[in-house]
Amino acid sequence: MYSTKGIDAVATITELRSKTSELVEHAKGIERGILIQKNNEPYAVLISYDLYLKLLGEQVEAPPVSTRRRRSRKTSAEGEVS
């Protein structure tokens, strides 16, 4: 058996695949995590971004859109785009 301290709900990998949006919305609205199980064993925990920052000890404030990392193409020394 494993501890579910700090867990609000339990979902399986299959449920995560089929209900990702619903589970993410649920995680966003709670102060605890959602335990994700694989083969009836703890596998991962889904938490909100705010809770993630809180656990890291940082302020619960997202960076402005202009400072967020943007996708860009990297160019190698030979000029090839990867």
N, C-alpha and C. Protein backbone atom coordinates (compact mmCIF):
# COMPACT_ATOMS: atom_id res chain seq x y z
N MET A 1 0.84 -1.19 0.00
CA MET A 1 0.00 0.00 0.00
C MET A 1 0.89 1.25 0.00
N TYR A 2 0.38 2.33 -0.49
CA TYR A 2 1.14 3.57 -0.56
C TYR A 2 0.32 4.70 0.04
N SER A 3 1.00 5.76 0.40
CA SER A 3 0.34 6.92 1.02
C SER A 3 -0.33 7.78 -0.05
N THR A 4 -1.51 8.27 0.28
CA THR A 4 -2.19 9.21 -0.62
C THR A 4 -2.29 10.59 0.03
N LYS A 5 -1.39 10.88 0.95
CA LYS A 5 -1.35 12.19 1.60
C LYS A 5 -1.11 13.27 0.54
N GLY A 6 -1.91 14.30 0.57
CA GLY A 6 -1.78 15.38 -0.40
C GLY A 6 -2.45 15.10 -1.73
N ILE A 7 -3.20 14.02 -1.80
CA ILE A 7 -3.86 13.62 -3.04
C ILE A 7 -5.36 13.88 -2.93
N ASP A 8 -5.93 14.52 -3.93
CA ASP A 8 -7.36 14.81 -3.95
C ASP A 8 -8.15 13.73 -4.68
N ALA A 9 -7.54 13.13 -5.70
CA ALA A 9 -8.23 12.13 -6.52
C ALA A 9 -7.21 11.15 -7.08
N VAL A 10 -7.71 10.04 -7.57
CA VAL A 10 -6.87 9.02 -8.19
C VAL A 10 -7.42 8.74 -9.58
N ALA A 11 -6.53 8.67 -10.56
CA ALA A 11 -6.92 8.36 -11.94
C ALA A 11 -5.90 7.39 -12.52
N THR A 12 -6.33 6.63 -13.50
CA THR A 12 -5.42 5.70 -14.17
C THR A 12 -4.81 6.37 -15.39
N ILE A 13 -3.76 5.76 -15.91
CA ILE A 13 -3.16 6.25 -17.15
C ILE A 13 -4.20 6.29 -18.27
N THR A 14 -5.04 5.28 -18.33
CA THR A 14 -6.09 5.22 -19.35
C THR A 14 -7.04 6.40 -19.21
N GLU A 15 -7.43 6.73 -17.98
CA GLU A 15 -8.30 7.89 -17.76
C GLU A 15 -7.58 9.17 -18.13
N LEU A 16 -6.30 9.26 -17.84
CA LEU A 16 -5.53 10.45 -18.21
C LEU A 16 -5.53 10.63 -19.72
N ARG A 17 -5.38 9.55 -20.45
CA ARG A 17 -5.39 9.63 -21.92
C ARG A 17 -6.74 10.11 -22.45
N SER A 18 -7.81 9.57 -21.89
CA SER A 18 -9.14 9.88 -22.43
C SER A 18 -9.78 11.13 -21.83
N LYS A 19 -9.33 11.56 -20.66
CA LYS A 19 -9.94 12.70 -19.97
C LYS A 19 -8.90 13.74 -19.56
N THR A 20 -7.89 13.94 -20.38
CA THR A 20 -6.81 14.85 -20.03
C THR A 20 -7.31 16.24 -19.68
N SER A 21 -8.12 16.82 -20.53
CA SER A 21 -8.61 18.18 -20.31
C SER A 21 -9.39 18.28 -19.00
N GLU A 22 -10.26 17.32 -18.76
CA GLU A 22 -11.07 17.31 -17.54
C GLU A 22 -10.19 17.18 -16.29
N LEU A 23 -9.20 16.31 -16.33
CA LEU A 23 -8.31 16.12 -15.18
C LEU A 23 -7.44 17.36 -14.94
N VAL A 24 -6.97 17.98 -16.01
CA VAL A 24 -6.17 19.20 -15.86
C VAL A 24 -7.01 20.31 -15.24
N GLU A 25 -8.24 20.47 -15.70
CA GLU A 25 -9.13 21.47 -15.11
C GLU A 25 -9.40 21.18 -13.64
N HIS A 26 -9.58 19.91 -13.29
CA HIS A 26 -9.79 19.53 -11.90
C HIS A 26 -8.56 19.87 -11.06
N ALA A 27 -7.38 19.54 -11.58
CA ALA A 27 -6.13 19.83 -10.86
C ALA A 27 -5.94 21.33 -10.66
N LYS A 28 -6.36 22.10 -11.64
CA LYS A 28 -6.21 23.56 -11.57
C LYS A 28 -7.05 24.16 -10.45
N GLY A 29 -8.17 23.52 -10.14
CA GLY A 29 -9.09 24.08 -9.15
C GLY A 29 -8.93 23.55 -7.74
N ILE A 30 -7.90 22.73 -7.49
CA ILE A 30 -7.73 22.15 -6.16
C ILE A 30 -6.36 22.50 -5.59
N GLU A 31 -6.22 22.36 -4.30
CA GLU A 31 -4.95 22.65 -3.63
C GLU A 31 -4.09 21.41 -3.46
N ARG A 32 -4.51 20.31 -4.03
CA ARG A 32 -3.79 19.05 -3.89
C ARG A 32 -3.61 18.42 -5.26
N GLY A 33 -2.95 17.29 -5.32
CA GLY A 33 -2.67 16.65 -6.59
C GLY A 33 -3.63 15.53 -6.93
N ILE A 34 -3.52 15.07 -8.16
CA ILE A 34 -4.26 13.90 -8.63
C ILE A 34 -3.22 12.81 -8.87
N LEU A 35 -3.36 11.71 -8.16
CA LEU A 35 -2.44 10.58 -8.31
C LEU A 35 -2.78 9.83 -9.59
N ILE A 36 -1.79 9.64 -10.43
CA ILE A 36 -1.96 8.86 -11.66
C ILE A 36 -1.35 7.48 -11.41
N GLN A 37 -2.15 6.45 -11.66
CA GLN A 37 -1.69 5.08 -11.44
C GLN A 37 -1.46 4.37 -12.77
N LYS A 38 -0.49 3.48 -12.77
CA LYS A 38 -0.24 2.60 -13.90
C LYS A 38 -0.09 1.20 -13.33
N ASN A 39 -0.91 0.29 -13.81
CA ASN A 39 -0.93 -1.08 -13.28
C ASN A 39 -1.17 -1.10 -11.77
N ASN A 40 -2.09 -0.26 -11.32
CA ASN A 40 -2.48 -0.15 -9.91
C ASN A 40 -1.36 0.29 -8.98
N GLU A 41 -0.33 0.92 -9.52
CA GLU A 41 0.78 1.43 -8.72
C GLU A 41 0.92 2.93 -8.97
N PRO A 42 1.36 3.70 -7.97
CA PRO A 42 1.59 5.13 -8.18
C PRO A 42 2.59 5.35 -9.31
N TYR A 43 2.29 6.26 -10.21
CA TYR A 43 3.14 6.50 -11.37
C TYR A 43 3.55 7.96 -11.49
N ALA A 44 2.59 8.87 -11.26
CA ALA A 44 2.85 10.30 -11.38
C ALA A 44 1.80 11.06 -10.59
N VAL A 45 2.02 12.36 -10.44
CA VAL A 45 1.04 13.23 -9.79
C VAL A 45 0.81 14.43 -10.68
N LEU A 46 -0.45 14.73 -10.93
CA LEU A 46 -0.85 15.89 -11.72
C LEU A 46 -1.23 17.00 -10.76
N ILE A 47 -0.52 18.13 -10.86
CA ILE A 47 -0.81 19.28 -9.99
C ILE A 47 -0.92 20.54 -10.84
N SER A 48 -1.55 21.55 -10.27
CA SER A 48 -1.68 22.83 -10.98
C SER A 48 -0.32 23.53 -11.02
N TYR A 49 -0.19 24.46 -11.94
CA TYR A 49 1.04 25.24 -12.05
C TYR A 49 1.26 26.06 -10.78
N ASP A 50 0.18 26.63 -10.24
CA ASP A 50 0.29 27.42 -9.01
C ASP A 50 0.81 26.57 -7.85
N LEU A 51 0.29 25.36 -7.71
CA LEU A 51 0.76 24.46 -6.65
C LEU A 51 2.21 24.07 -6.89
N TYR A 52 2.57 23.85 -8.13
CA TYR A 52 3.96 23.53 -8.48
C TYR A 52 4.90 24.64 -8.01
N LEU A 53 4.55 25.89 -8.32
CA LEU A 53 5.37 27.02 -7.89
C LEU A 53 5.41 27.12 -6.37
N LYS A 54 4.28 26.89 -5.74
CA LYS A 54 4.21 26.94 -4.28
C LYS A 54 5.13 25.89 -3.66
N LEU A 55 5.14 24.70 -4.22
CA LEU A 55 6.01 23.64 -3.73
C LEU A 55 7.48 23.98 -3.94
N LEU A 56 7.76 24.74 -4.97
CA LEU A 56 9.14 25.18 -5.22
C LEU A 56 9.52 26.35 -4.32
N GLY A 57 8.53 26.95 -3.66
CA GLY A 57 8.79 28.07 -2.78
C GLY A 57 8.86 29.40 -3.49
N GLU A 58 8.33 29.47 -4.70
CA GLU A 58 8.34 30.71 -5.46
C GLU A 58 6.98 31.37 -5.38
N GLN A 59 6.92 32.60 -5.85
CA GLN A 59 5.64 33.30 -5.90
C GLN A 59 4.73 32.61 -6.89
N VAL A 60 3.44 32.66 -6.59
CA VAL A 60 2.45 32.05 -7.47
C VAL A 60 2.01 33.10 -8.48
N GLU A 61 2.87 33.34 -9.44
CA GLU A 61 2.58 34.32 -10.48
C GLU A 61 3.27 33.88 -11.76
N ALA A 62 2.50 33.72 -12.80
CA ALA A 62 3.07 33.31 -14.09
C ALA A 62 3.84 34.47 -14.69
N PRO A 63 4.91 34.19 -15.41
CA PRO A 63 5.65 35.26 -16.07
C PRO A 63 4.80 35.89 -17.17
N PRO A 64 5.06 37.16 -17.47
CA PRO A 64 4.31 37.80 -18.56
C PRO A 64 4.52 37.03 -19.86
N VAL A 65 3.54 37.09 -20.73
CA VAL A 65 3.59 36.36 -21.99
C VAL A 65 4.85 36.71 -22.77
N SER A 66 5.26 37.95 -22.74
CA SER A 66 6.42 38.38 -23.53
C SER A 66 7.72 37.73 -23.07
N THR A 67 7.79 37.26 -21.82
CA THR A 67 9.02 36.65 -21.32
C THR A 67 8.99 35.14 -21.34
N ARG A 68 7.88 34.56 -21.73
CA ARG A 68 7.80 33.10 -21.81
C ARG A 68 8.65 32.60 -22.95
N ARG A 69 9.16 31.41 -22.78
CA ARG A 69 10.00 30.81 -23.80
C ARG A 69 9.20 30.58 -25.07
N ARG A 70 9.77 30.94 -26.17
CA ARG A 70 9.12 30.75 -27.46
C ARG A 70 9.85 29.66 -28.22
N ARG A 71 9.09 28.94 -29.02
CA ARG A 71 9.71 27.92 -29.87
C ARG A 71 10.51 28.60 -30.96
N SER A 72 11.67 28.08 -31.20
CA SER A 72 12.48 28.64 -32.28
C SER A 72 13.25 27.51 -32.94
N ARG A 73 13.61 27.74 -34.15
CA ARG A 73 14.40 26.76 -34.88
C ARG A 73 15.86 27.00 -34.55
N LYS A 74 16.57 25.92 -34.32
CA LYS A 74 18.00 26.02 -34.06
C LYS A 74 18.75 25.79 -35.36
N THR A 75 19.77 26.57 -35.57
CA THR A 75 20.59 26.43 -36.77
C THR A 75 21.95 25.90 -36.36
N SER A 76 22.39 24.84 -37.00
CA SER A 76 23.70 24.26 -36.69
C SER A 76 24.80 25.09 -37.35
N ALA A 77 26.03 24.75 -37.04
CA ALA A 77 27.17 25.46 -37.60
C ALA A 77 27.22 25.36 -39.12
N GLU A 78 26.68 24.27 -39.66
CA GLU A 78 26.67 24.09 -41.11
C GLU A 78 25.51 24.81 -41.77
N GLY A 79 24.68 25.48 -40.99
CA GLY A 79 23.56 26.19 -41.55
C GLY A 79 22.31 25.36 -41.71
N GLU A 80 22.33 24.12 -41.21
CA GLU A 80 21.16 23.25 -41.30
C GLU A 80 20.18 23.61 -40.20
N VAL A 81 18.92 23.59 -40.53
CA VAL A 81 17.88 23.86 -39.54
C VAL A 81 17.44 22.54 -38.95
N SER A 82 17.43 22.48 -37.62
CA SER A 82 17.01 21.24 -36.97
C SER A 82 15.66 21.39 -36.33
